[in-house]
Amino acid sequence: MREDRDRLQDILDAIKKIDRYAKRGRRLFEEDELVHTWMIHLIQIIGEAASKLTPCLS
């Protein structure tokens, strides 16, 4: 079973990859289907990892 720390690292890694392409501009995102699909996949990774984090009790 994966730890929260591993899931948080997955989230950070995905954000870094998204940021690398986001800096290239919206035009690349809109015109390149491969980049578009890849970025959506990374967003899904973030959502999946976030949904499996241990709930925070306050």
PDB file of N, CA and C in Angstrom:
ATOM      1  N   MET A   1       0.849  -1.191   0.000  1.00  0.00           N
ATOM      2  CA  MET A   1       0.000   0.000   0.000  1.00  0.00           C
ATOM      3  C   MET A   1       0.891   1.250   0.000  1.00  0.00           C
ATOM      4  N   ARG A   2       0.508   2.224  -0.806  1.00  0.00           N
ATOM      5  CA  ARG A   2       1.312   3.440  -0.925  1.00  0.00           C
ATOM      6  C   ARG A   2       1.031   4.387   0.242  1.00  0.00           C
ATOM      7  N   GLU A   3       2.045   5.074   0.629  1.00  0.00           N
ATOM      8  CA  GLU A   3       1.966   6.052   1.727  1.00  0.00           C
ATOM      9  C   GLU A   3       1.508   7.410   1.174  1.00  0.00           C
ATOM     10  N   ASP A   4       0.999   8.249   2.071  1.00  0.00           N
ATOM     11  CA  ASP A   4       0.621   9.611   1.679  1.00  0.00           C
ATOM     12  C   ASP A   4       1.812  10.350   1.082  1.00  0.00           C
ATOM     13  N   ARG A   5       2.968  10.121   1.646  1.00  0.00           N
ATOM     14  CA  ARG A   5       4.183  10.797   1.157  1.00  0.00           C
ATOM     15  C   ARG A   5       4.415  10.467  -0.327  1.00  0.00           C
ATOM     16  N   ASP A   6       4.222   9.217  -0.704  1.00  0.00           N
ATOM     17  CA  ASP A   6       4.389   8.803  -2.101  1.00  0.00           C
ATOM     18  C   ASP A   6       3.345   9.464  -3.000  1.00  0.00           C
ATOM     19  N   ARG A   7       2.132   9.517  -2.515  1.00  0.00           N
ATOM     20  CA  ARG A   7       1.063  10.149  -3.294  1.00  0.00           C
ATOM     21  C   ARG A   7       1.314  11.652  -3.466  1.00  0.00           C
ATOM     22  N   LEU A   8       1.788  12.295  -2.403  1.00  0.00           N
ATOM     23  CA  LEU A   8       2.120  13.717  -2.499  1.00  0.00           C
ATOM     24  C   LEU A   8       3.258  13.942  -3.485  1.00  0.00           C
ATOM     25  N   GLN A   9       4.213  13.036  -3.524  1.00  0.00           N
ATOM     26  CA  GLN A   9       5.313  13.150  -4.485  1.00  0.00           C
ATOM     27  C   GLN A   9       4.789  12.994  -5.909  1.00  0.00           C
ATOM     28  N   ASP A  10       3.837  12.084  -6.109  1.00  0.00           N
ATOM     29  CA  ASP A  10       3.219  11.922  -7.429  1.00  0.00           C
ATOM     30  C   ASP A  10       2.550  13.223  -7.873  1.00  0.00           C
ATOM     31  N   ILE A  11       1.872  13.875  -6.932  1.00  0.00           N
ATOM     32  CA  ILE A  11       1.198  15.142  -7.220  1.00  0.00           C
ATOM     33  C   ILE A  11       2.222  16.207  -7.602  1.00  0.00           C
ATOM     34  N   LEU A  12       3.276  16.316  -6.827  1.00  0.00           N
ATOM     35  CA  LEU A  12       4.320  17.309  -7.121  1.00  0.00           C
ATOM     36  C   LEU A  12       4.986  17.045  -8.468  1.00  0.00           C
ATOM     37  N   ASP A  13       5.268  15.793  -8.768  1.00  0.00           N
ATOM     38  CA  ASP A  13       5.889  15.441 -10.045  1.00  0.00           C
ATOM     39  C   ASP A  13       4.987  15.819 -11.216  1.00  0.00           C
ATOM     40  N   ALA A  14       3.702  15.547 -11.082  1.00  0.00           N
ATOM     41  CA  ALA A  14       2.753  15.885 -12.143  1.00  0.00           C
ATOM     42  C   ALA A  14       2.658  17.398 -12.330  1.00  0.00           C
ATOM     43  N   ILE A  15       2.652  18.138 -11.236  1.00  0.00           N
ATOM     44  CA  ILE A  15       2.595  19.605 -11.315  1.00  0.00           C
ATOM     45  C   ILE A  15       3.823  20.144 -12.031  1.00  0.00           C
ATOM     46  N   LYS A  16       4.987  19.616 -11.717  1.00  0.00           N
ATOM     47  CA  LYS A  16       6.218  20.066 -12.377  1.00  0.00           C
ATOM     48  C   LYS A  16       6.161  19.815 -13.879  1.00  0.00           C
ATOM     49  N   LYS A  17       5.640  18.659 -14.277  1.00  0.00           N
ATOM     50  CA  LYS A  17       5.540  18.340 -15.704  1.00  0.00           C
ATOM     51  C   LYS A  17       4.543  19.253 -16.402  1.00  0.00           C
ATOM     52  N   ILE A  18       3.422  19.515 -15.746  1.00  0.00           N
ATOM     53  CA  ILE A  18       2.423  20.430 -16.322  1.00  0.00           C
ATOM     54  C   ILE A  18       3.021  21.818 -16.470  1.00  0.00           C
ATOM     55  N   ASP A  19       3.718  22.273 -15.454  1.00  0.00           N
ATOM     56  CA  ASP A  19       4.313  23.607 -15.464  1.00  0.00           C
ATOM     57  C   ASP A  19       5.308  23.762 -16.614  1.00  0.00           C
ATOM     58  N   ARG A  20       6.067  22.715 -16.871  1.00  0.00           N
ATOM     59  CA  ARG A  20       7.069  22.759 -17.933  1.00  0.00           C
ATOM     60  C   ARG A  20       6.414  23.044 -19.290  1.00  0.00           C
ATOM     61  N   TYR A  21       5.249  22.463 -19.542  1.00  0.00           N
ATOM     62  CA  TYR A  21       4.557  22.700 -20.813  1.00  0.00           C
ATOM     63  C   TYR A  21       3.673  23.933 -20.770  1.00  0.00           C
ATOM     64  N   ALA A  22       3.144  24.269 -19.612  1.00  0.00           N
ATOM     65  CA  ALA A  22       2.287  25.456 -19.496  1.00  0.00           C
ATOM     66  C   ALA A  22       3.089  26.720 -19.820  1.00  0.00           C
ATOM     67  N   LYS A  23       4.359  26.717 -19.508  1.00  0.00           N
ATOM     68  CA  LYS A  23       5.220  27.875 -19.801  1.00  0.00           C
ATOM     69  C   LYS A  23       5.331  28.129 -21.298  1.00  0.00           C
ATOM     70  N   ARG A  24       5.065  27.106 -22.095  1.00  0.00           N
ATOM     71  CA  ARG A  24       5.166  27.241 -23.552  1.00  0.00           C
ATOM     72  C   ARG A  24       3.930  27.901 -24.157  1.00  0.00           C
ATOM     73  N   GLY A  25       2.909  28.085 -23.342  1.00  0.00           N
ATOM     74  CA  GLY A  25       1.750  28.844 -23.786  1.00  0.00           C
ATOM     75  C   GLY A  25       0.516  28.026 -24.110  1.00  0.00           C
ATOM     76  N   ARG A  26      -0.571  28.736 -24.102  1.00  0.00           N
ATOM     77  CA  ARG A  26      -1.883  28.143 -24.366  1.00  0.00           C
ATOM     78  C   ARG A  26      -1.985  27.616 -25.799  1.00  0.00           C
ATOM     79  N   ARG A  27      -1.333  28.307 -26.714  1.00  0.00           N
ATOM     80  CA  ARG A  27      -1.404  27.916 -28.122  1.00  0.00           C
ATOM     81  C   ARG A  27      -0.915  26.479 -28.324  1.00  0.00           C
ATOM     82  N   LEU A  28       0.209  26.130 -27.726  1.00  0.00           N
ATOM     83  CA  LEU A  28       0.730  24.764 -27.829  1.00  0.00           C
ATOM     84  C   LEU A  28      -0.284  23.776 -27.275  1.00  0.00           C
ATOM     85  N   PHE A  29      -0.861  24.111 -26.135  1.00  0.00           N
ATOM     86  CA  PHE A  29      -1.856  23.246 -25.502  1.00  0.00           C
ATOM     87  C   PHE A  29      -3.052  23.017 -26.421  1.00  0.00           C
ATOM     88  N   GLU A  30      -3.528  24.080 -27.029  1.00  0.00           N
ATOM     89  CA  GLU A  30      -4.721  23.992 -27.869  1.00  0.00           C
ATOM     90  C   GLU A  30      -4.449  23.335 -29.221  1.00  0.00           C
ATOM     91  N   GLU A  31      -3.248  23.517 -29.763  1.00  0.00           N
ATOM     92  CA  GLU A  31      -2.956  23.030 -31.112  1.00  0.00           C
ATOM     93  C   GLU A  31      -2.355  21.627 -31.158  1.00  0.00           C
ATOM     94  N   ASP A  32      -1.714  21.204 -30.083  1.00  0.00           N
ATOM     95  CA  ASP A  32      -1.038  19.908 -30.077  1.00  0.00           C
ATOM     96  C   ASP A  32      -1.864  18.903 -29.277  1.00  0.00           C
ATOM     97  N   GLU A  33      -2.534  18.014 -29.983  1.00  0.00           N
ATOM     98  CA  GLU A  33      -3.415  17.048 -29.331  1.00  0.00           C
ATOM     99  C   GLU A  33      -2.660  16.167 -28.342  1.00  0.00           C
ATOM    100  N   LEU A  34      -1.433  15.832 -28.663  1.00  0.00           N
ATOM    101  CA  LEU A  34      -0.627  14.991 -27.778  1.00  0.00           C
ATOM    102  C   LEU A  34      -0.347  15.706 -26.453  1.00  0.00           C
ATOM    103  N   VAL A  35       0.026  16.976 -26.517  1.00  0.00           N
ATOM    104  CA  VAL A  35       0.281  17.761 -25.302  1.00  0.00           C
ATOM    105  C   VAL A  35      -1.017  17.901 -24.512  1.00  0.00           C
ATOM    106  N   HIS A  36      -2.096  18.165 -25.207  1.00  0.00           N
ATOM    107  CA  HIS A  36      -3.413  18.326 -24.578  1.00  0.00           C
ATOM    108  C   HIS A  36      -3.778  17.051 -23.803  1.00  0.00           C
ATOM    109  N   THR A  37      -3.672  15.910 -24.457  1.00  0.00           N
ATOM    110  CA  THR A  37      -4.013  14.630 -23.842  1.00  0.00           C
ATOM    111  C   THR A  37      -3.087  14.313 -22.678  1.00  0.00           C
ATOM    112  N   TRP A  38      -1.817  14.577 -22.848  1.00  0.00           N
ATOM    113  CA  TRP A  38      -0.823  14.300 -21.810  1.00  0.00           C
ATOM    114  C   TRP A  38      -1.084  15.140 -20.559  1.00  0.00           C
ATOM    115  N   MET A  39      -1.407  16.420 -20.755  1.00  0.00           N
ATOM    116  CA  MET A  39      -1.673  17.284 -19.605  1.00  0.00           C
ATOM    117  C   MET A  39      -2.949  16.866 -18.875  1.00  0.00           C
ATOM    118  N   ILE A  40      -3.959  16.473 -19.614  1.00  0.00           N
ATOM    119  CA  ILE A  40      -5.186  15.987 -18.980  1.00  0.00           C
ATOM    120  C   ILE A  40      -4.897  14.722 -18.178  1.00  0.00           C
ATOM    121  N   HIS A  41      -4.070  13.861 -18.719  1.00  0.00           N
ATOM    122  CA  HIS A  41      -3.670  12.645 -18.001  1.00  0.00           C
ATOM    123  C   HIS A  41      -2.972  13.006 -16.684  1.00  0.00           C
ATOM    124  N   LEU A  42      -2.090  13.984 -16.722  1.00  0.00           N
ATOM    125  CA  LEU A  42      -1.397  14.405 -15.497  1.00  0.00           C
ATOM    126  C   LEU A  42      -2.375  14.984 -14.470  1.00  0.00           C
ATOM    127  N   ILE A  43      -3.376  15.706 -14.935  1.00  0.00           N
ATOM    128  CA  ILE A  43      -4.403  16.240 -14.028  1.00  0.00           C
ATOM    129  C   ILE A  43      -5.182  15.090 -13.397  1.00  0.00           C
ATOM    130  N   GLN A  44      -5.437  14.047 -14.172  1.00  0.00           N
ATOM    131  CA  GLN A  44      -6.109  12.869 -13.623  1.00  0.00           C
ATOM    132  C   GLN A  44      -5.251  12.187 -12.560  1.00  0.00           C
ATOM    133  N   ILE A  45      -3.952  12.125 -12.782  1.00  0.00           N
ATOM    134  CA  ILE A  45      -3.033  11.554 -11.788  1.00  0.00           C
ATOM    135  C   ILE A  45      -3.119  12.343 -10.490  1.00  0.00           C
ATOM    136  N   ILE A  46      -3.145  13.665 -10.604  1.00  0.00           N
ATOM    137  CA  ILE A  46      -3.244  14.523  -9.412  1.00  0.00           C
ATOM    138  C   ILE A  46      -4.541  14.220  -8.662  1.00  0.00           C
ATOM    139  N   GLY A  47      -5.644  14.152  -9.388  1.00  0.00           N
ATOM    140  CA  GLY A  47      -6.945  13.894  -8.759  1.00  0.00           C
ATOM    141  C   GLY A  47      -7.003  12.530  -8.092  1.00  0.00           C
ATOM    142  N   GLU A  48      -6.462  11.538  -8.774  1.00  0.00           N
ATOM    143  CA  GLU A  48      -6.472  10.182  -8.223  1.00  0.00           C
ATOM    144  C   GLU A  48      -5.628  10.104  -6.952  1.00  0.00           C
ATOM    145  N   ALA A  49      -4.442  10.692  -6.997  1.00  0.00           N
ATOM    146  CA  ALA A  49      -3.564  10.668  -5.836  1.00  0.00           C
ATOM    147  C   ALA A  49      -4.192  11.448  -4.675  1.00  0.00           C
ATOM    148  N   ALA A  50      -4.771  12.599  -4.980  1.00  0.00           N
ATOM    149  CA  ALA A  50      -5.389  13.424  -3.928  1.00  0.00           C
ATOM    150  C   ALA A  50      -6.573  12.712  -3.286  1.00  0.00           C
ATOM    151  N   SER A  51      -7.335  11.982  -4.079  1.00  0.00           N
ATOM    152  CA  SER A  51      -8.511  11.299  -3.536  1.00  0.00           C
ATOM    153  C   SER A  51      -8.150  10.146  -2.589  1.00  0.00           C
ATOM    154  N   LYS A  52      -6.921   9.673  -2.683  1.00  0.00           N
ATOM    155  CA  LYS A  52      -6.497   8.546  -1.846  1.00  0.00           C
ATOM    156  C   LYS A  52      -5.672   8.961  -0.627  1.00  0.00           C
ATOM    157  N   LEU A  53      -5.488  10.275  -0.450  1.00  0.00           N
ATOM    158  CA  LEU A  53      -4.756  10.755   0.726  1.00  0.00           C
ATOM    159  C   LEU A  53      -5.587  10.515   1.987  1.00  0.00           C
ATOM    160  N   THR A  54      -4.910  10.289   3.087  1.00  0.00           N
ATOM    161  CA  THR A  54      -5.582  10.111   4.371  1.00  0.00           C
ATOM    162  C   THR A  54      -6.315  11.402   4.725  1.00  0.00           C
ATOM    163  N   PRO A  55      -7.596  11.304   5.088  1.00  0.00           N
ATOM    164  CA  PRO A  55      -8.336  12.516   5.476  1.00  0.00           C
ATOM    165  C   PRO A  55      -7.671  13.208   6.681  1.00  0.00           C
ATOM    166  N   CYS A  56      -7.695  14.510   6.647  1.00  0.00           N
ATOM    167  CA  CYS A  56      -7.120  15.307   7.719  1.00  0.00           C
ATOM    168  C   CYS A  56      -8.195  15.564   8.766  1.00  0.00           C
ATOM    169  N   LEU A  57      -7.924  15.214   9.986  1.00  0.00           N
ATOM    170  CA  LEU A  57      -8.880  15.451  11.069  1.00  0.00           C
ATOM    171  C   LEU A  57      -8.502  16.714  11.820  1.00  0.00           C
ATOM    172  N   SER A  58      -9.465  17.611  11.980  1.00  0.00           N
ATOM    173  CA  SER A  58      -9.156  18.852  12.705  1.00  0.00           C
ATOM    174  C   SER A  58      -9.957  18.977  13.961  1.00  0.00           C
TER     175      SER A  58
END
